[in-house]
């Protein structure tokens, strides 16, 4: 027996007041057909600042003479939420507004989120809606200094701020740095772009993780922070102090390469590489500028060692840079199968 199917319309009301509606049929339909007419599958909120909260609403209208109930609303991430007080039961010939919010994740680029609305109609599949927005890059979140040295070392660099589309030209009001070793040397404006030049000095080897805070005239995000990362190295330093070669067996040799960060004039004075070859490791310091340390296993020798145990060897080499001399050490771990 055929029965009248409730015709439904799903509307989308954005924070700007824009109402996007999909058509719905008021004619009788077979029981196997959907009670919910198609609605826009993608909601484009355009260009936005990252981290901002976008409030909008899904408005569901029941155009038939039978009640309809929203059974569930799910989202793809915690950044998109539905209001907890919305009315789930939709009376005939009425509408309900479902408050929603989407907080854009930090960082520039395309942003996406998904909403799934499920109804109590057994013939209706869940409806999927994609939210999209674009966050233009106006300020870098991180500037990689890389490796500098030997100390005392001075690094000079720059980055750029760009005006958010459609807003007042960006201006830097004041700056702050996380350490006295980091200074903002100049700020130059050119139409909608601001160039920020900085210098960083170091008198000892250490990891670099410092920040520059910029107070601007941006009405949405006036305070911007840029993280500087890198490493101050000595005359000679290894990119890794310890490596794990994994499991070794006769038919499965392992190879690992470690970067050698050396000042100009680096010379290899002595090493224990030949001694380690007797214990199943082959180590070579190569490259046109002696910039890489290659470590590989010798499976045939490994097979003679105690199986199922983690082995640890220390590779060392002595170096000279001008009048400076020292020793570098690398721990090598592996397991024999």
Protein backbone atom coordinates (compact mmCIF):
# COMPACT_ATOMS: atom_id res chain seq x y z
CA UNK A 1 0.00 0.00 0.00
CA UNK A 2 1.36 3.42 -0.94
CA UNK A 3 1.38 6.24 1.59
CA UNK A 4 2.05 9.94 1.38
CA UNK A 5 5.64 10.79 2.13
CA UNK A 6 6.52 13.91 4.09
CA UNK A 7 8.29 16.39 1.89
CA UNK A 8 11.15 18.13 3.59
CA UNK A 9 13.44 21.02 2.79
CA UNK A 10 16.86 21.53 4.35
CA UNK A 11 17.93 25.15 4.40
CA UNK A 12 21.28 26.64 5.32
CA UNK A 13 21.45 30.03 7.01
CA UNK A 14 24.92 31.51 7.27
CA UNK A 15 26.10 34.12 9.73
CA UNK A 16 25.94 36.71 6.98
CA UNK A 17 22.21 36.15 6.67
CA UNK A 18 22.51 34.35 3.34
CA UNK A 19 19.78 31.74 3.01
CA UNK A 20 20.47 28.83 0.71
CA UNK A 21 17.41 26.68 0.12
CA UNK A 22 16.86 23.47 -1.72
CA UNK A 23 13.65 22.57 -3.44
CA UNK A 24 11.26 20.01 -2.07
CA UNK A 25 8.47 18.07 -3.65
CA UNK A 26 4.95 18.24 -2.31
CA UNK A 27 3.65 15.42 -4.48
CA UNK A 28 3.01 11.96 -3.20
CA UNK A 29 6.01 9.65 -3.59
CA UNK A 30 6.51 5.91 -3.33
CA UNK A 31 7.60 4.65 0.10
CA UNK A 32 11.04 3.78 -1.26
CA UNK A 33 11.79 7.35 -2.30
CA UNK A 34 13.55 9.86 -0.06
CA UNK A 35 11.49 12.17 2.15
CA UNK A 36 14.31 14.71 2.17
CA UNK A 37 15.01 16.70 -0.97
CA UNK A 38 18.58 17.51 -2.02
CA UNK A 39 20.34 20.44 -0.30
CA UNK A 40 23.61 22.24 -1.10
CA UNK A 41 26.38 19.74 -0.30
CA UNK A 42 29.06 22.40 0.09
CA UNK A 43 28.95 25.61 2.14
CA UNK A 44 31.69 28.05 1.16
CA UNK A 45 32.50 30.67 3.79
CA UNK A 46 35.13 32.32 1.60
CA UNK A 47 38.30 33.95 2.88
CA UNK A 48 38.57 34.05 6.68
CA UNK A 49 41.12 34.49 9.45
CA UNK A 50 42.37 31.29 11.03
CA UNK A 51 41.15 30.61 14.54
CA UNK A 52 37.93 32.59 14.09
CA UNK A 53 34.56 31.12 15.04
CA UNK A 54 31.92 31.07 12.30
CA UNK A 55 28.35 30.85 13.56
CA UNK A 56 25.66 29.64 11.18
CA UNK A 57 22.48 27.59 11.29
CA UNK A 58 20.89 24.64 9.55
CA UNK A 59 17.15 25.25 9.15
CA UNK A 60 15.01 22.18 8.55
CA UNK A 61 11.46 22.64 7.27
CA UNK A 62 8.76 19.96 7.38
CA UNK A 63 6.34 20.77 4.55
CA UNK A 64 4.09 17.74 5.00
CA UNK A 65 1.41 16.82 7.53
CA UNK A 66 3.40 14.25 9.51
CA UNK A 67 5.95 14.97 12.24
CA UNK A 68 9.64 14.48 11.43
CA UNK A 69 12.47 13.97 13.86
CA UNK A 70 16.21 14.63 13.61
CA UNK A 71 17.84 11.60 15.16
CA UNK A 72 21.52 12.63 15.06
CA UNK A 73 23.99 15.30 13.93
CA UNK A 74 27.65 14.33 13.70
CA UNK A 75 30.70 16.36 12.66
CA UNK A 76 34.13 15.39 11.41
CA UNK A 77 36.05 17.28 14.08
CA UNK A 78 35.64 18.93 17.45
CA UNK A 79 36.04 22.32 15.76
CA UNK A 80 32.49 22.00 14.39
CA UNK A 81 29.66 21.74 16.90
CA UNK A 82 25.87 21.80 17.02
CA UNK A 83 23.99 23.73 19.69
CA UNK A 84 22.74 21.54 22.50
CA UNK A 85 19.31 23.18 22.76
CA UNK A 86 17.98 22.82 19.23
CA UNK A 87 14.54 21.26 18.71
CA UNK A 88 14.80 17.74 17.31
CA UNK A 89 11.09 17.21 16.58
CA UNK A 90 9.74 19.15 13.60
CA UNK A 91 5.99 19.61 13.59
CA UNK A 92 4.08 19.51 10.29
CA UNK A 93 4.22 22.73 8.26
CA UNK A 94 6.96 24.20 10.50
CA UNK A 95 10.70 24.73 10.64
CA UNK A 96 13.45 24.43 13.24
CA UNK A 97 16.79 26.24 13.29
CA UNK A 98 19.85 24.25 14.38
CA UNK A 99 22.64 26.54 15.64
CA UNK A 100 26.08 25.44 14.44
CA UNK A 101 29.59 26.82 14.83
CA UNK A 102 32.90 26.15 13.08
CA UNK A 103 36.19 27.31 14.58
CA UNK A 104 38.81 27.41 11.83
CA UNK A 105 42.04 25.53 12.70
CA UNK A 106 45.20 27.61 12.95
CA UNK A 107 47.48 27.98 9.97
CA UNK A 108 46.99 29.12 6.42
CA UNK A 109 45.54 27.17 3.50
CA UNK A 110 42.26 25.46 2.69
CA UNK A 111 40.07 24.49 5.65
CA UNK A 112 37.40 21.78 5.56
CA UNK A 113 34.90 20.20 7.91
CA UNK A 114 31.94 17.87 7.44
CA UNK A 115 28.46 17.59 8.97
CA UNK A 116 26.20 14.55 8.76
CA UNK A 117 22.47 14.98 9.53
CA UNK A 118 20.48 11.80 10.15
CA UNK A 119 16.66 11.66 10.24
CA UNK A 120 14.29 9.08 11.68
CA UNK A 121 12.98 8.04 8.28
CA UNK A 122 14.11 4.48 7.62
CA UNK A 123 14.17 5.20 3.88
CA UNK A 124 16.46 8.22 4.21
CA UNK A 125 20.24 8.00 4.06
CA UNK A 126 22.29 10.49 6.11
CA UNK A 127 22.95 13.80 4.39
CA UNK A 128 26.53 15.01 4.16
CA UNK A 129 27.55 18.66 4.12
CA UNK A 130 31.06 20.00 3.57
CA UNK A 131 32.17 23.32 5.05
CA UNK A 132 35.04 25.06 3.31
CA UNK A 133 37.00 28.25 3.85
CA UNK A 134 40.34 29.66 2.77
CA UNK A 135 42.92 31.21 5.11
CA UNK A 136 45.51 33.24 3.19
CA UNK A 137 49.08 33.34 4.47
CA UNK A 138 49.61 36.75 6.02
CA UNK A 139 52.31 35.91 8.58
CA UNK A 140 54.65 32.89 8.79
CA UNK A 141 54.28 30.88 11.96
CA UNK A 142 57.84 29.57 11.82
CA UNK A 143 61.11 30.65 10.21
CA UNK A 144 63.79 27.95 9.95
CA UNK A 145 67.25 29.38 10.59
CA UNK A 146 68.92 25.99 10.09
CA UNK A 147 72.45 25.34 11.34
CA UNK A 148 74.79 28.20 12.18
CA UNK A 149 78.22 28.23 13.80
CA UNK A 150 80.75 27.90 15.14
CA UNK A 151 80.12 30.39 17.95
CA UNK A 152 80.30 33.29 18.23
CA UNK A 153 77.81 33.23 15.36
CA UNK A 154 75.54 35.86 13.84
CA UNK A 155 72.55 35.09 11.64
CA UNK A 156 70.63 37.75 9.75
CA UNK A 157 67.29 36.99 8.13
CA UNK A 158 63.90 38.38 7.20
CA UNK A 159 60.26 37.44 6.75
CA UNK A 160 57.16 39.17 5.42
CA UNK A 161 53.73 40.19 6.65
CA UNK A 162 50.94 40.58 4.11
CA UNK A 163 47.67 42.47 4.40
CA UNK A 164 44.58 40.32 4.80
CA UNK A 165 42.44 40.62 1.63
CA UNK A 166 39.95 43.46 1.84
CA UNK A 167 41.32 44.91 5.09
CA UNK A 168 43.38 47.95 6.00
CA UNK A 169 47.08 47.76 5.04
CA UNK A 170 49.02 45.90 7.70
CA UNK A 171 51.25 47.97 9.98
CA UNK A 172 53.58 46.92 12.79
CA UNK A 173 53.09 49.05 15.89
CA UNK A 174 55.73 47.45 18.13
CA UNK A 175 57.84 44.30 18.50
CA UNK A 176 59.09 42.06 21.29
CA UNK A 177 61.61 39.19 21.30
CA UNK A 178 62.01 36.23 23.63
CA UNK A 179 65.74 36.83 24.19
CA UNK A 180 68.19 39.70 24.01
CA UNK A 181 70.21 37.66 21.50
CA UNK A 182 67.37 38.18 19.00
CA UNK A 183 66.69 41.68 17.73
CA UNK A 184 64.42 43.19 15.08
CA UNK A 185 66.80 45.32 13.02
CA UNK A 186 64.33 47.00 10.66
CA UNK A 187 60.71 47.13 9.50
CA UNK A 188 59.97 48.29 5.95
CA UNK A 189 56.49 48.77 4.48
CA UNK A 190 55.65 48.63 0.78
CA UNK A 191 51.93 48.97 0.02
CA UNK A 192 50.34 45.80 1.47
CA UNK A 193 53.60 44.06 2.42
CA UNK A 194 55.83 44.57 5.48
CA UNK A 195 59.39 43.23 5.55
CA UNK A 196 60.70 42.38 9.01
CA UNK A 197 64.50 42.01 9.25
CA UNK A 198 66.10 40.41 12.30
CA UNK A 199 69.46 39.23 13.62
CA UNK A 200 70.32 36.42 16.03
CA UNK A 201 73.64 36.01 17.82
CA UNK A 202 74.93 33.01 19.78
CA UNK A 203 78.08 32.48 21.83
CA UNK A 204 77.65 28.76 22.53
CA UNK A 205 76.25 25.63 20.84
CA UNK A 206 72.52 25.23 21.52
CA UNK A 207 69.12 24.59 19.97
CA UNK A 208 67.36 27.71 18.68
CA UNK A 209 63.72 28.13 19.58
CA UNK A 210 63.03 31.81 20.00
CA UNK A 211 60.15 34.04 18.98
CA UNK A 212 59.36 37.50 17.66
CA UNK A 213 56.03 39.01 18.72
CA UNK A 214 54.52 41.65 16.46
CA UNK A 215 51.81 44.04 17.65
CA UNK A 216 49.90 45.19 14.57
CA UNK A 217 46.82 47.16 13.52
CA UNK A 218 45.00 43.97 12.49
CA UNK A 219 41.50 44.19 13.96
CA UNK A 220 40.99 40.41 14.13
CA UNK A 221 44.45 39.14 15.15
CA UNK A 222 46.49 42.14 16.25
CA UNK A 223 49.22 40.09 17.97
CA UNK A 224 51.26 37.82 15.72
CA UNK A 225 54.05 35.51 16.84
CA UNK A 226 56.80 34.07 14.63
CA UNK A 227 58.89 31.15 15.92
CA UNK A 228 62.55 30.92 14.89
CA UNK A 229 64.07 27.42 14.93
CA UNK A 230 67.53 26.05 14.25
CA UNK A 231 70.73 24.97 15.91
CA UNK A 232 74.03 26.61 16.81
CA UNK A 233 76.76 24.02 16.22
CA UNK A 234 80.34 23.82 17.36
CA UNK A 235 83.30 23.31 15.04
CA UNK A 236 82.16 19.74 14.38
CA UNK A 237 78.83 18.22 15.37
CA UNK A 238 76.73 15.24 14.31
CA UNK A 239 73.08 15.66 13.35
CA UNK A 240 72.32 12.60 15.50
CA UNK A 241 74.07 11.40 18.64
CA UNK A 242 72.47 7.95 18.55
CA UNK A 243 71.03 5.76 15.80
CA UNK A 244 69.11 2.48 15.86
CA UNK A 245 69.74 0.21 12.90
CA UNK A 246 66.83 -2.09 13.73
CA UNK A 247 67.02 -5.84 13.36
CA UNK A 248 69.91 -7.33 11.40
CA UNK A 249 70.29 -10.78 9.93
CA UNK A 250 72.40 -12.41 7.24
CA UNK A 251 70.18 -11.49 4.29
CA UNK A 252 69.05 -8.08 5.55
CA UNK A 253 71.83 -5.49 5.92
CA UNK A 254 70.95 -2.04 7.29
CA UNK A 255 72.37 1.35 6.33
CA UNK A 256 72.05 4.71 8.10
CA UNK A 257 73.55 8.10 7.21
CA UNK A 258 74.34 10.80 9.77
CA UNK A 259 75.04 14.38 8.72
CA UNK A 260 78.35 15.85 9.85
CA UNK A 261 78.06 19.57 10.58
CA UNK A 262 81.59 20.88 10.30
CA UNK A 263 83.26 24.25 9.99
CA UNK A 264 85.45 25.08 7.03
CA UNK A 265 88.88 23.43 7.25
CA UNK A 266 87.62 20.23 8.91
CA UNK A 267 90.16 17.37 8.99
CA UNK A 268 89.78 13.78 10.21
CA UNK A 269 92.65 12.95 12.57
CA UNK A 270 91.87 9.46 13.88
CA UNK A 271 88.94 7.02 14.35
CA UNK A 272 87.99 3.58 15.64
CA UNK A 273 86.19 2.69 12.39
CA UNK A 274 88.48 -0.23 11.51
CA UNK A 275 88.04 -1.75 14.96
CA UNK A 276 84.25 -1.63 14.61
CA UNK A 277 84.41 -3.48 11.29
CA UNK A 278 85.61 -6.52 13.22
CA UNK A 279 82.37 -6.37 15.22
CA UNK A 280 79.98 -6.16 12.27
CA UNK A 281 79.81 -2.43 11.47
CA UNK A 282 81.20 -0.57 8.49
CA UNK A 283 81.58 3.18 8.96
CA UNK A 284 82.84 5.73 6.46
CA UNK A 285 83.13 9.48 6.55
CA UNK A 286 82.59 10.71 3.00
CA UNK A 287 81.16 13.25 0.65
CA UNK A 288 83.06 15.90 -1.26
CA UNK A 289 83.37 17.97 1.91
CA UNK A 290 83.43 15.06 4.41
CA UNK A 291 79.84 15.94 5.33
CA UNK A 292 78.27 12.51 5.90
CA UNK A 293 78.91 9.57 8.17
CA UNK A 294 77.63 6.30 6.65
CA UNK A 295 76.97 3.35 8.97
CA UNK A 296 76.13 -0.09 7.58
CA UNK A 297 75.92 -3.59 8.98
CA UNK A 298 77.94 -6.65 8.03
CA UNK A 299 75.32 -9.45 8.28
CA UNK A 300 77.77 -12.36 8.13
CA UNK A 301 79.52 -11.14 11.25
CA UNK A 302 76.22 -10.34 12.97
CA UNK A 303 75.19 -13.97 12.59
CA UNK A 304 78.00 -14.98 14.92
CA UNK A 305 76.85 -12.70 17.72
CA UNK A 306 74.36 -13.35 20.47
CA UNK A 307 70.94 -13.47 18.83
CA UNK A 308 67.89 -11.69 20.21
CA UNK A 309 69.86 -9.07 22.14
CA UNK A 310 70.28 -5.35 21.62
CA UNK A 311 73.89 -4.52 20.81
CA UNK A 312 75.49 -1.11 21.43
CA UNK A 313 78.69 0.18 19.88
CA UNK A 314 80.33 3.60 20.05
CA UNK A 315 81.91 5.11 16.96
CA UNK A 316 84.38 7.93 17.59
CA UNK A 317 86.63 10.08 15.46
CA UNK A 318 89.04 12.87 16.25
CA UNK A 319 88.96 16.07 14.22
CA UNK A 320 90.88 19.28 13.70
CA UNK A 321 89.68 22.68 12.46
CA UNK A 322 92.61 25.05 12.32
CA UNK A 323 94.01 25.13 15.84
CA UNK A 324 90.84 23.65 17.33
CA UNK A 325 90.75 19.90 18.04
CA UNK A 326 88.13 17.59 19.46
CA UNK A 327 86.33 14.26 19.26
CA UNK A 328 82.87 13.29 18.01
CA UNK A 329 80.95 10.28 19.30
CA UNK A 330 78.04 8.31 17.84
CA UNK A 331 76.15 5.52 19.66
CA UNK A 332 74.98 2.68 17.36
CA UNK A 333 72.26 0.28 18.51
CA UNK A 334 70.97 -2.78 16.68
CA UNK A 335 69.43 -6.18 17.36
CA UNK A 336 70.73 -9.47 15.98
CA UNK A 337 68.15 -11.99 14.79
